[in-house]
C-alpha atoms as a PDB file:
ATOM      1  CA  LEU A   1       0.000   0.000   0.000  1.00  0.00           C
ATOM      2  CA  GLY A   2       2.853   2.362   0.649  1.00  0.00           C
ATOM      3  CA  GLY A   3       4.297   1.957  -2.829  1.00  0.00           C
ATOM      4  CA  SER A   4       7.501   3.933  -3.036  1.00  0.00           C
ATOM      5  CA  SER A   5       6.440   6.269  -0.226  1.00  0.00           C
ATOM      6  CA  THR A   6       8.900   6.729   2.608  1.00  0.00           C
ATOM      7  CA  SER A   7       6.263   8.182   4.931  1.00  0.00           C
ATOM      8  CA  LYS A   8       3.931   6.254   7.233  1.00  0.00           C
ATOM      9  CA  VAL A   9       0.694   5.030   5.638  1.00  0.00           C
ATOM     10  CA  ASN A  10      -2.575   4.761   7.607  1.00  0.00           C
ATOM     11  CA  VAL A  11      -5.396   2.577   6.359  1.00  0.00           C
ATOM     12  CA  THR A  12      -9.005   2.338   7.509  1.00  0.00           C
ATOM     13  CA  VAL A  13     -11.430  -0.433   6.700  1.00  0.00           C
ATOM     14  CA  LYS A  14     -15.197  -0.293   6.389  1.00  0.00           C
ATOM     15  CA  TRP A  15     -17.071  -3.548   6.384  1.00  0.00           C
ATOM     16  CA  ASP A  16     -20.566  -3.215   4.999  1.00  0.00           C
ATOM     17  CA  GLY A  17     -23.347  -4.013   7.404  1.00  0.00           C
ATOM     18  CA  ALA A  18     -25.843  -2.681   9.842  1.00  0.00           C
ATOM     19  CA  PRO A  19     -25.220  -1.110  12.188  1.00  0.00           C
ATOM     20  CA  ALA A  20     -22.099   0.747  11.188  1.00  0.00           C
ATOM     21  CA  ILE A  21     -19.702   0.294  14.108  1.00  0.00           C
ATOM     22  CA  VAL A  22     -16.728   2.578  14.500  1.00  0.00           C
ATOM     23  CA  CYS A  23     -13.907   1.680  16.875  1.00  0.00           C
ATOM     24  CA  GLY A  24     -10.363   2.651  17.646  1.00  0.00           C
ATOM     25  CA  ILE A  25      -8.167   4.600  20.002  1.00  0.00           C
ATOM     26  CA  ASN A  26      -9.221   8.146  20.767  1.00  0.00           C
ATOM     27  CA  PRO A  27      -6.034  10.170  20.194  1.00  0.00           C
ATOM     28  CA  GLU A  28      -7.232  12.783  22.692  1.00  0.00           C
ATOM     29  CA  ASN A  29      -7.125  10.394  25.668  1.00  0.00           C
ATOM     30  CA  GLY A  30      -5.552   7.124  24.424  1.00  0.00           C
ATOM     31  CA  LYS A  31      -8.660   5.076  25.305  1.00  0.00           C
ATOM     32  CA  PHE A  32     -10.297   2.392  23.157  1.00  0.00           C
ATOM     33  CA  PHE A  33     -13.845   3.288  22.083  1.00  0.00           C
ATOM     34  CA  VAL A  34     -16.758   1.947  20.082  1.00  0.00           C
ATOM     35  CA  GLY A  35     -19.669   3.779  18.598  1.00  0.00           C
ATOM     36  CA  SER A  36     -22.098   4.036  15.764  1.00  0.00           C
ATOM     37  CA  LYS A  37     -22.261   6.795  13.175  1.00  0.00           C
ATOM     38  CA  SER A  38     -23.256   8.985  16.128  1.00  0.00           C
ATOM     39  CA  ILE A  39     -19.570   9.519  16.940  1.00  0.00           C
ATOM     40  CA  PHE A  40     -19.635  12.018  14.075  1.00  0.00           C
ATOM     41  CA  ASN A  41     -22.455  14.072  15.658  1.00  0.00           C
ATOM     42  CA  LYS A  42     -21.831  17.655  16.724  1.00  0.00           C
ATOM     43  CA  VAL A  43     -21.897  16.210  20.258  1.00  0.00           C
ATOM     44  CA  PRO A  44     -20.358  12.760  19.673  1.00  0.00           C
ATOM     45  CA  LYS A  45     -21.640   9.630  21.408  1.00  0.00           C
ATOM     46  CA  ILE A  46     -18.332   7.902  22.133  1.00  0.00           C
ATOM     47  CA  ASN A  47     -18.486   4.782  24.291  1.00  0.00           C
ATOM     48  CA  TYR A  48     -15.599   3.662  26.479  1.00  0.00           C
ATOM     49  CA  THR A  49     -17.657   1.515  28.883  1.00  0.00           C
ATOM     50  CA  ASP A  50     -20.889  -0.502  29.043  1.00  0.00           C
ATOM     51  CA  ALA A  51     -22.361   2.358  31.084  1.00  0.00           C
ATOM     52  CA  ASP A  52     -21.597   4.791  28.243  1.00  0.00           C
ATOM     53  CA  ILE A  53     -23.349   2.485  25.777  1.00  0.00           C
ATOM     54  CA  ARG A  54     -26.459   2.199  27.969  1.00  0.00           C
ATOM     55  CA  LYS A  55     -26.523   5.986  28.433  1.00  0.00           C
ATOM     56  CA  ASN A  56     -26.011   6.865  24.763  1.00  0.00           C
ATOM     57  CA  HIS A  57     -28.032   4.208  22.906  1.00  0.00           C
ATOM     58  CA  LYS A  58     -31.294   2.269  22.963  1.00  0.00           C
ATOM     59  CA  GLY A  59     -32.774  -0.869  21.461  1.00  0.00           C
ATOM     60  CA  GLY A  60     -30.969  -3.536  19.459  1.00  0.00           C
ATOM     61  CA  LEU A  61     -27.843  -1.445  19.043  1.00  0.00           C
ATOM     62  CA  VAL A  62     -26.965  -1.756  22.752  1.00  0.00           C
ATOM     63  CA  PRO A  63     -26.000  -5.459  22.801  1.00  0.00           C
ATOM     64  CA  LYS A  64     -24.138  -5.115  19.497  1.00  0.00           C
ATOM     65  CA  LEU A  65     -22.036  -2.242  20.813  1.00  0.00           C
ATOM     66  CA  ARG A  66     -21.431  -4.099  24.078  1.00  0.00           C
ATOM     67  CA  TYR A  67     -20.070  -7.103  22.150  1.00  0.00           C
ATOM     68  CA  ALA A  68     -17.977  -4.774  20.002  1.00  0.00           C
ATOM     69  CA  LEU A  69     -16.527  -3.088  23.088  1.00  0.00           C
ATOM     70  CA  LYS A  70     -15.757  -6.433  24.691  1.00  0.00           C
ATOM     71  CA  TYR A  71     -14.156  -8.181  21.717  1.00  0.00           C
ATOM     72  CA  LEU A  72     -12.830  -5.695  19.143  1.00  0.00           C
ATOM     73  CA  LYS A  73     -10.105  -4.216  21.325  1.00  0.00           C
ATOM     74  CA  ASP A  74      -8.418  -7.630  21.550  1.00  0.00           C
ATOM     75  CA  LEU A  75      -8.074  -7.818  17.751  1.00  0.00           C
ATOM     76  CA  ASN A  76      -5.528  -4.966  17.645  1.00  0.00           C
ATOM     77  CA  ILE A  77      -7.118  -3.743  14.406  1.00  0.00           C
ATOM     78  CA  TYR A  78      -6.330  -0.148  15.291  1.00  0.00           C
ATOM     79  CA  ASN A  79      -2.540  -0.469  15.572  1.00  0.00           C
END
């Protein structure tokens, strides 16, 4: 992917599906987070804990985000 570039290359991946789940390390505080498209809101809904997910979301999205929070950080997909 870097070709003949000597500078660092960053890549993001979007898997198609519903809901859209966004995850990674927040560069502002170094913490792992998960969220839906709502992380791009004017007031973002960023979830670092199960309590954040329950506060910020309702319905069928809650268990999906809880699983994402529990398992995605161990995949090291954000390094």
